[in-house]
Amino acid sequence: MSLLVILLPPRPRAESSVDPLSDFAFVLSSDGSSVTRQGLAPAGQLPRADHVSLLLTDADVSWQRVAVPKAPAARLRDALGAVLEDQLLDDDDAVHLALEPGLAGGRSGWVAVTDKAWLTARLAELEAAGITIDRVLPSSWPSPLASLHGLHDLSDAGSDGASPRLVWSHADGVSCTRLAGSLARQQLAGVDRSQLRCSAHPAAVAAVEAWLEVPVAVLGDAERALLATRSGWNLRQFDLARRHRGMKAVREGLRRLAGPDWRALRYGAVALLLVQLAGLNLWAWRLEQMVQDKRQAMTRLLQTAHPQVRAVLDAPLQMQRETELLRAAAGRAGPNDLEPLLAVAATAWPAGQPPMQALRFEPGRLSITPVGWGDAQRAQFSDRVRAAGYRAESQSGQLVISRESRS
């Protein structure tokens, strides 16, 4: 699954409107673990990827540890603001808050705080260019596994053109101080530096190693950005949370399914589908052959029983017609003749009722006109006729008896 991380520059501290950025720094990874490409590009020309994250600098996120109040999801943000009111330097409406992953009401944990107007403007700027931001990430976060990272900071450059800063992440929060200041030494006083996970930007490695007097791993901005994506943090919460979460879950599932980890499953599903299609075609061909065999058997039976029939168009119908002709030639009554229909009517006739007033016969139909019958007698007559394999229908005061159709 491809991954794009957009690295935001530090937020301007001047009290002014947020100006649009001309270019965005980005890191593109085709597999989510190694850097494929990095550089600068306008928002509309950023590379496309399956998943897009926005990375904030350490200086743009502050950390507060609080006991999360128990409140409904719709009111949790306001409740958090009330709890943090005395700890925030800005008004509650001016900051954006985000809870630690998995943190629920009634528990203590970390809350990330950042400038709301600035972050909202950057998100709107990117999404206006067609870039959908899935996650907003901090560069560092509080962790029991203490780590130290040296930044190459040009914003406060000295004569050598660089003024490194130290970012110290530990169980009590995250601090960002200048390497040359005394605050950094005070914070690390009494800390076993050999037990720290130390890293630094390539341009700051020498200065950080000389200051710490321990080896430091080289970690560039691109590699550090990819490490941040492996955390569980996502600052897109509350009013900055993405909408249409159901569609997001569907898209995320499709993205994962299209990844290399699911290649074997995709191949298996395609193979299974092809086998099913082949099986259905084979079964349909077999059923068609069975139907053809039955038709040929009926044709052979017709031509064997009635050799005079040469052209076979509808074997069952022609067999019935030829059989009726033989029956009529032999002088035997068929089920649709007058005698069987009269016998059925006599058998079903209600007891104590007078004879019929009139009758009329057509081939396969016997119409009778009963005298003085009520609904009960007509229903009884119809039931008895139906039991004999015929049916009786009321039409204009008459009862029409005919052969029950068989499907």
Protein backbone atom coordinates (compact mmCIF):
# COMPACT_ATOMS: atom_id res chain seq x y z
CA MET A 1 0.00 0.00 0.00
CA SER A 2 1.52 3.31 -1.06
CA LEU A 3 1.87 6.05 1.55
CA LEU A 4 2.27 9.80 1.20
CA VAL A 5 3.38 11.92 4.17
CA ILE A 6 3.11 15.71 3.84
CA LEU A 7 5.50 17.55 6.18
CA LEU A 8 4.07 20.87 7.33
CA PRO A 9 6.55 23.65 8.12
CA PRO A 10 6.37 25.23 11.59
CA ARG A 11 3.36 27.43 12.21
CA PRO A 12 4.07 31.17 11.93
CA ARG A 13 3.92 32.69 15.38
CA ALA A 14 2.86 36.14 14.12
CA GLU A 15 -0.76 37.04 14.82
CA SER A 16 -1.97 37.21 11.22
CA SER A 17 -4.05 35.29 8.75
CA VAL A 18 -2.68 31.98 7.51
CA ASP A 19 -1.19 32.51 4.07
CA PRO A 20 -1.35 29.60 1.58
CA LEU A 21 1.84 27.61 1.07
CA SER A 22 3.44 27.63 -2.36
CA ASP A 23 5.06 24.22 -1.93
CA PHE A 24 4.68 21.27 0.42
CA ALA A 25 7.48 18.95 1.49
CA PHE A 26 6.48 15.32 0.99
CA VAL A 27 7.73 11.76 1.43
CA LEU A 28 6.35 8.99 -0.78
CA SER A 29 6.68 5.31 0.07
CA SER A 30 5.43 2.55 -2.21
CA ASP A 31 5.42 -0.04 0.59
CA GLY A 32 4.95 2.11 3.71
CA SER A 33 8.39 1.28 5.15
CA SER A 34 11.04 2.67 2.80
CA VAL A 35 11.40 6.04 1.08
CA THR A 36 10.57 5.90 -2.62
CA ARG A 37 10.63 9.61 -3.37
CA GLN A 38 10.78 12.93 -1.53
CA GLY A 39 10.77 16.58 -2.47
CA LEU A 40 8.74 19.77 -2.73
CA ALA A 41 5.61 20.30 -4.84
CA PRO A 42 2.53 22.55 -4.99
CA ALA A 43 -0.60 21.04 -3.46
CA GLY A 44 -2.09 20.19 -6.85
CA GLN A 45 1.06 18.38 -7.99
CA LEU A 46 1.67 16.20 -4.94
CA PRO A 47 2.01 12.46 -5.74
CA ARG A 48 -1.05 10.28 -5.34
CA ALA A 49 -1.04 7.44 -2.84
CA ASP A 50 -3.41 4.98 -1.19
CA HIS A 51 -3.02 6.63 2.20
CA VAL A 52 -2.13 10.27 2.96
CA SER A 53 -0.90 11.62 6.32
CA LEU A 54 -0.12 15.17 7.42
CA LEU A 55 2.86 15.50 9.80
CA LEU A 56 3.11 18.37 12.31
CA THR A 57 6.40 19.59 13.74
CA ASP A 58 7.28 19.06 17.41
CA ALA A 59 6.95 22.78 18.13
CA ASP A 60 3.35 22.87 16.86
CA VAL A 61 1.96 20.28 19.27
CA SER A 62 1.83 20.60 23.05
CA TRP A 63 0.86 17.84 25.45
CA GLN A 64 -1.43 17.83 28.47
CA ARG A 65 -2.12 14.90 30.74
CA VAL A 66 -5.70 14.90 32.05
CA ALA A 67 -8.37 12.65 33.47
CA VAL A 68 -10.82 12.37 30.60
CA PRO A 69 -14.34 13.21 31.77
CA LYS A 70 -17.17 10.78 31.19
CA ALA A 71 -19.37 12.46 28.61
CA PRO A 72 -21.31 11.52 25.46
CA ALA A 73 -19.26 11.55 22.26
CA ALA A 74 -21.06 14.66 20.99
CA ARG A 75 -20.14 16.61 24.16
CA LEU A 76 -16.71 15.15 24.93
CA ARG A 77 -14.80 17.94 23.17
CA ASP A 78 -16.54 20.65 25.23
CA ALA A 79 -15.97 18.65 28.40
CA LEU A 80 -12.24 18.36 27.60
CA GLY A 81 -12.03 22.09 27.00
CA ALA A 82 -13.59 22.76 30.38
CA VAL A 83 -11.10 20.45 32.12
CA LEU A 84 -8.10 22.06 30.35
CA GLU A 85 -9.31 25.65 30.69
CA ASP A 86 -6.72 26.60 33.30
CA GLN A 87 -3.85 24.83 31.51
CA LEU A 88 -4.30 26.29 28.01
CA LEU A 89 -2.59 29.51 27.00
CA ASP A 90 -5.19 30.27 24.30
CA ASP A 91 -8.96 30.36 24.37
CA ASP A 92 -10.70 27.04 24.13
CA ASP A 93 -12.17 27.92 20.72
CA ALA A 94 -8.69 28.67 19.33
CA VAL A 95 -7.16 25.23 19.96
CA HIS A 96 -7.76 21.79 18.57
CA LEU A 97 -7.67 18.83 20.96
CA ALA A 98 -7.04 15.15 20.24
CA LEU A 99 -7.12 12.20 22.59
CA GLU A 100 -4.46 9.53 22.97
CA PRO A 101 -5.28 6.36 20.96
CA GLY A 102 -7.67 4.10 22.86
CA LEU A 103 -8.29 6.65 25.60
CA ALA A 104 -11.86 6.68 26.91
CA GLY A 105 -13.82 8.62 29.48
CA GLY A 106 -12.95 8.02 33.09
CA ARG A 107 -9.27 7.28 32.37
CA SER A 108 -6.13 9.42 32.54
CA GLY A 109 -4.07 9.99 29.44
CA TRP A 110 -2.52 12.44 27.05
CA VAL A 111 -4.25 15.12 25.02
CA ALA A 112 -2.51 16.73 22.04
CA VAL A 113 -3.11 20.48 21.62
CA THR A 114 -2.47 22.51 18.47
CA ASP A 115 -3.66 25.70 16.82
CA LYS A 116 -7.09 25.08 15.32
CA ALA A 117 -7.33 27.87 12.73
CA TRP A 118 -3.89 27.11 11.29
CA LEU A 119 -4.48 23.34 11.05
CA THR A 120 -7.97 23.82 9.61
CA ALA A 121 -6.61 26.16 6.94
CA ARG A 122 -3.89 23.72 5.93
CA LEU A 123 -6.37 20.84 5.69
CA ALA A 124 -8.75 22.94 3.61
CA GLU A 125 -5.91 24.03 1.33
CA LEU A 126 -4.85 20.44 0.63
CA GLU A 127 -8.34 19.07 0.24
CA ALA A 128 -9.23 21.90 -2.15
CA ALA A 129 -6.41 20.56 -4.34
CA GLY A 130 -7.93 17.06 -4.26
CA ILE A 131 -5.68 15.65 -1.51
CA THR A 132 -7.70 13.70 1.06
CA ILE A 133 -5.88 13.65 4.41
CA ASP A 134 -6.52 10.40 6.25
CA ARG A 135 -4.44 11.14 9.36
CA VAL A 136 -2.82 14.10 11.09
CA LEU A 137 0.29 12.96 12.97
CA PRO A 138 2.60 14.43 15.60
CA SER A 139 6.33 14.03 14.99
CA SER A 140 6.85 12.95 18.63
CA TRP A 141 4.56 11.87 21.43
CA PRO A 142 4.86 10.90 25.11
CA SER A 143 6.17 7.36 25.53
CA PRO A 144 7.58 5.23 28.38
CA LEU A 145 10.46 4.38 26.03
CA ALA A 146 12.45 7.59 26.32
CA SER A 147 14.00 8.85 23.09
CA LEU A 148 16.05 11.86 22.07
CA HIS A 149 16.20 13.35 18.59
CA GLY A 150 18.37 16.17 17.32
CA LEU A 151 16.78 18.56 14.84
CA HIS A 152 18.58 20.66 12.24
CA ASP A 153 16.90 24.00 12.92
CA LEU A 154 17.74 26.88 10.56
CA SER A 155 15.22 29.27 12.08
CA ASP A 156 17.72 30.34 14.75
CA ALA A 157 20.94 29.86 12.81
CA GLY A 158 24.24 31.05 14.18
CA SER A 159 27.45 31.79 12.36
CA ASP A 160 27.81 28.16 11.34
CA GLY A 161 24.41 28.20 9.69
CA ALA A 162 22.78 25.66 12.03
CA SER A 163 21.46 25.64 15.57
CA PRO A 164 20.44 22.08 16.57
CA ARG A 165 17.50 21.47 18.86
CA LEU A 166 16.74 18.46 21.01
CA VAL A 167 13.36 16.76 21.17
CA TRP A 168 13.06 14.57 24.24
CA SER A 169 10.09 12.18 24.36
CA HIS A 170 9.47 10.39 27.64
CA ALA A 171 6.71 9.19 29.93
CA ASP A 172 6.08 12.69 31.30
CA GLY A 173 5.65 14.43 27.94
CA VAL A 174 7.64 15.93 25.08
CA SER A 175 10.07 18.84 25.33
CA CYS A 176 11.84 20.73 22.57
CA THR A 177 14.85 22.87 23.59
CA ARG A 178 17.92 24.37 21.99
CA LEU A 179 21.06 22.31 22.28
CA ALA A 180 23.14 25.35 23.23
CA GLY A 181 20.87 26.39 26.10
CA SER A 182 21.09 25.38 29.73
CA LEU A 183 17.53 24.06 29.82
CA ALA A 184 18.49 20.94 27.89
CA ARG A 185 21.19 20.05 30.42
CA GLN A 186 18.82 20.64 33.31
CA GLN A 187 16.18 18.36 31.79
CA LEU A 188 18.64 15.53 31.15
CA ALA A 189 20.39 15.87 34.49
CA GLY A 190 20.50 12.48 36.15
CA VAL A 191 19.30 10.64 33.04
CA ASP A 192 21.39 7.68 31.89
CA ARG A 193 22.07 8.82 28.34
CA SER A 194 23.33 5.41 27.30
CA GLN A 195 19.80 4.06 27.84
CA LEU A 196 18.18 6.64 25.58
CA ARG A 197 17.21 5.92 22.00
CA CYS A 198 19.21 8.72 20.41
CA SER A 199 18.92 9.89 16.82
CA ALA A 200 19.58 13.07 14.90
CA HIS A 201 19.20 14.72 11.55
CA PRO A 202 22.34 14.12 9.39
CA ALA A 203 23.32 17.79 9.67
CA ALA A 204 23.01 17.71 13.47
CA VAL A 205 24.60 14.34 14.23
CA ALA A 206 28.08 15.68 15.00
CA ALA A 207 26.86 18.41 17.36
CA VAL A 208 24.45 16.08 19.18
CA GLU A 209 27.08 13.34 19.61
CA ALA A 210 29.58 15.85 20.98
CA TRP A 211 27.00 17.17 23.42
CA LEU A 212 25.67 13.78 24.57
CA GLU A 213 29.02 11.97 24.39
CA VAL A 214 27.20 8.84 23.14
CA PRO A 215 26.72 7.46 19.62
CA VAL A 216 23.68 8.82 17.78
CA ALA A 217 21.77 7.11 14.96
CA VAL A 218 21.29 9.05 11.75
CA LEU A 219 17.60 9.68 11.07
CA GLY A 220 16.57 12.05 8.31
CA ASP A 221 13.28 13.89 8.06
CA ALA A 222 11.87 11.39 5.55
CA GLU A 223 12.70 8.33 7.68
CA ARG A 224 11.35 10.05 10.80
CA ALA A 225 8.12 10.86 8.98
CA LEU A 226 7.62 7.20 8.05
CA LEU A 227 8.25 6.18 11.67
CA ALA A 228 5.51 8.58 12.78
CA THR A 229 2.99 6.81 10.53
CA ARG A 230 3.49 3.59 12.49
CA SER A 231 2.11 5.14 15.66
CA GLY A 232 -1.54 4.91 16.56
CA TRP A 233 -1.96 8.67 16.77
CA ASN A 234 -4.42 10.56 14.60
CA LEU A 235 -5.22 14.17 15.45
CA ARG A 236 -8.22 14.25 13.08
CA GLN A 237 -10.76 14.07 15.87
CA PHE A 238 -13.93 15.84 16.96
CA ASP A 239 -14.84 18.64 14.52
CA LEU A 240 -11.80 17.87 12.31
CA ALA A 241 -12.65 14.18 12.01
CA ARG A 242 -13.28 12.94 8.53
CA ARG A 243 -16.89 12.48 7.54
CA HIS A 244 -18.40 9.44 5.81
CA ARG A 245 -16.59 6.99 8.04
CA GLY A 246 -18.46 4.07 6.50
CA MET A 247 -17.12 4.89 3.04
CA LYS A 248 -13.68 5.43 4.53
CA ALA A 249 -13.78 1.92 6.01
CA VAL A 250 -14.82 0.51 2.66
CA ARG A 251 -12.04 2.37 0.84
CA GLU A 252 -9.52 1.31 3.47
CA GLY A 253 -10.59 -2.31 3.09
CA LEU A 254 -10.27 -2.11 -0.68
CA ARG A 255 -6.85 -0.52 -0.37
CA ARG A 256 -5.64 -3.28 1.90
CA LEU A 257 -7.11 -5.91 -0.36
CA ALA A 258 -5.21 -4.40 -3.29
CA GLY A 259 -1.92 -4.50 -1.36
CA PRO A 260 0.83 -7.10 -1.82
CA ASP A 261 -0.06 -8.89 1.43
CA TRP A 262 -3.38 -9.99 -0.07
CA ARG A 263 -2.04 -10.96 -3.51
CA ALA A 264 -2.38 -14.71 -2.83
CA LEU A 265 -5.99 -14.23 -1.69
CA ARG A 266 -6.82 -12.24 -4.84
CA TYR A 267 -5.30 -14.92 -7.07
CA GLY A 268 -7.18 -17.60 -5.15
CA ALA A 269 -10.47 -15.73 -5.46
CA VAL A 270 -9.99 -15.27 -9.21
CA ALA A 271 -9.10 -18.96 -9.62
CA LEU A 272 -12.16 -19.96 -7.59
CA LEU A 273 -14.37 -17.70 -9.69
CA LEU A 274 -13.02 -19.21 -12.92
CA VAL A 275 -13.60 -22.74 -11.59
CA GLN A 276 -17.16 -21.80 -10.62
CA LEU A 277 -17.84 -20.34 -14.06
CA ALA A 278 -16.40 -23.41 -15.75
CA GLY A 279 -18.49 -25.65 -13.49
CA LEU A 280 -21.69 -23.73 -14.18
CA ASN A 281 -21.09 -23.86 -17.93
CA LEU A 282 -20.42 -27.60 -17.75
CA TRP A 283 -23.57 -28.16 -15.68
CA ALA A 284 -25.68 -26.07 -18.08
CA TRP A 285 -24.29 -28.04 -21.02
CA ARG A 286 -25.13 -31.30 -19.22
CA LEU A 287 -28.72 -30.15 -18.52
CA GLU A 288 -29.12 -29.12 -22.16
CA GLN A 289 -27.94 -32.58 -23.23
CA MET A 290 -30.48 -34.22 -20.89
CA VAL A 291 -33.29 -32.10 -22.35
CA GLN A 292 -32.22 -32.99 -25.89
CA ASP A 293 -32.13 -36.70 -24.95
CA LYS A 294 -35.66 -36.53 -23.55
CA ARG A 295 -36.93 -34.78 -26.67
CA GLN A 296 -35.34 -37.38 -28.90
CA ALA A 297 -36.83 -40.17 -26.74
CA MET A 298 -40.33 -38.66 -27.09
CA THR A 299 -39.83 -38.33 -30.85
CA ARG A 300 -38.78 -41.98 -31.14
CA LEU A 301 -41.77 -43.06 -29.02
CA LEU A 302 -44.18 -41.08 -31.24
CA GLN A 303 -42.74 -42.48 -34.46
CA THR A 304 -42.72 -46.01 -33.03
CA ALA A 305 -46.35 -45.86 -31.81
CA HIS A 306 -47.58 -43.94 -34.87
CA PRO A 307 -45.37 -44.66 -37.87
CA GLN A 308 -47.59 -42.57 -40.12
CA VAL A 309 -46.32 -39.37 -38.44
CA ARG A 310 -43.36 -38.16 -40.47
CA ALA A 311 -42.78 -34.54 -39.40
CA VAL A 312 -42.46 -34.15 -35.65
CA LEU A 313 -43.02 -30.59 -34.44
CA ASP A 314 -44.47 -31.11 -30.93
CA ALA A 315 -44.16 -34.76 -29.92
CA PRO A 316 -46.44 -34.69 -26.80
CA LEU A 317 -49.24 -32.80 -28.60
CA GLN A 318 -49.01 -34.98 -31.69
CA MET A 319 -49.01 -38.13 -29.53
CA GLN A 320 -52.19 -36.93 -27.78
CA ARG A 321 -53.93 -36.17 -31.07
CA GLU A 322 -53.03 -39.52 -32.64
CA THR A 323 -54.15 -41.36 -29.50
CA GLU A 324 -57.48 -39.49 -29.53
CA LEU A 325 -57.98 -40.48 -33.17
CA LEU A 326 -57.35 -44.14 -32.34
CA ARG A 327 -59.72 -43.97 -29.36
CA ALA A 328 -62.44 -42.38 -31.45
CA ALA A 329 -61.96 -44.96 -34.19
CA ALA A 330 -62.34 -47.72 -31.59
CA GLY A 331 -65.63 -46.18 -30.34
CA ARG A 332 -64.41 -45.50 -26.83
CA ALA A 333 -65.34 -42.37 -24.89
CA GLY A 334 -62.59 -40.03 -23.81
CA PRO A 335 -62.40 -37.94 -20.62
CA ASN A 336 -63.67 -34.87 -22.51
CA ASP A 337 -66.66 -36.58 -24.13
CA LEU A 338 -70.29 -36.24 -23.07
CA GLU A 339 -70.60 -39.56 -21.21
CA PRO A 340 -67.72 -39.02 -18.73
CA LEU A 341 -68.85 -35.44 -18.08
CA LEU A 342 -72.44 -36.59 -17.39
CA ALA A 343 -71.12 -39.33 -15.09
CA VAL A 344 -69.13 -36.80 -13.10
CA ALA A 345 -72.16 -34.49 -12.82
CA ALA A 346 -74.40 -37.36 -11.66
CA THR A 347 -71.88 -38.46 -9.04
CA ALA A 348 -71.49 -34.93 -7.65
CA TRP A 349 -75.22 -34.08 -7.73
CA PRO A 350 -76.44 -32.94 -4.26
CA ALA A 351 -78.93 -35.28 -2.63
CA GLY A 352 -82.58 -34.23 -2.72
CA GLN A 353 -82.14 -31.72 -5.55
CA PRO A 354 -84.38 -31.81 -8.62
CA PRO A 355 -83.00 -32.65 -12.08
CA MET A 356 -81.24 -29.98 -14.12
CA GLN A 357 -83.35 -27.59 -16.11
CA ALA A 358 -81.15 -27.65 -19.23
CA LEU A 359 -77.77 -28.82 -20.44
CA ARG A 360 -75.44 -27.98 -23.28
CA PHE A 361 -72.37 -29.90 -24.50
CA GLU A 362 -69.35 -28.61 -26.37
CA PRO A 363 -66.16 -30.63 -26.91
CA GLY A 364 -64.62 -30.83 -23.41
CA ARG A 365 -67.32 -28.66 -21.74
CA LEU A 366 -70.70 -29.54 -20.22
CA SER A 367 -72.95 -26.63 -19.17
CA ILE A 368 -75.88 -27.42 -16.84
CA THR A 369 -78.61 -25.22 -15.39
CA PRO A 370 -79.61 -26.35 -11.86
CA VAL A 371 -82.93 -25.32 -10.30
CA GLY A 372 -83.19 -23.79 -6.80
CA TRP A 373 -79.58 -24.30 -5.76
CA GLY A 374 -78.05 -22.10 -3.09
CA ASP A 375 -74.40 -21.24 -2.51
CA ALA A 376 -73.97 -24.26 -0.25
CA GLN A 377 -75.15 -26.71 -2.96
CA ARG A 378 -72.97 -25.09 -5.62
CA ALA A 379 -69.88 -25.25 -3.35
CA GLN A 380 -70.61 -28.91 -2.51
CA PHE A 381 -71.03 -29.74 -6.19
CA SER A 382 -67.76 -27.99 -7.11
CA ASP A 383 -65.82 -29.83 -4.40
CA ARG A 384 -67.10 -33.23 -5.56
CA VAL A 385 -66.34 -32.45 -9.21
CA ARG A 386 -62.82 -31.35 -8.28
CA ALA A 387 -62.26 -34.62 -6.38
CA ALA A 388 -63.00 -36.49 -9.63
CA GLY A 389 -60.32 -34.57 -11.54
CA TYR A 390 -62.64 -32.02 -13.13
CA ARG A 391 -63.68 -28.49 -12.29
CA ALA A 392 -67.03 -26.68 -12.11
CA GLU A 393 -67.22 -22.93 -12.73
CA SER A 394 -70.29 -20.69 -12.30
CA GLN A 395 -71.07 -18.65 -15.40
CA SER A 396 -74.32 -16.65 -15.76
CA GLY A 397 -76.30 -18.98 -13.48
CA GLN A 398 -74.91 -22.11 -15.13
CA LEU A 399 -72.30 -24.60 -13.95
CA VAL A 400 -69.66 -25.39 -16.57
CA ILE A 401 -67.88 -28.72 -16.06
CA SER A 402 -64.53 -29.30 -17.80
CA ARG A 403 -61.39 -31.35 -17.44
CA GLU A 404 -58.99 -30.07 -14.73
CA SER A 405 -55.89 -28.76 -16.49
CA ARG A 406 -52.69 -30.51 -15.50
CA SER A 407 -49.39 -28.63 -15.52
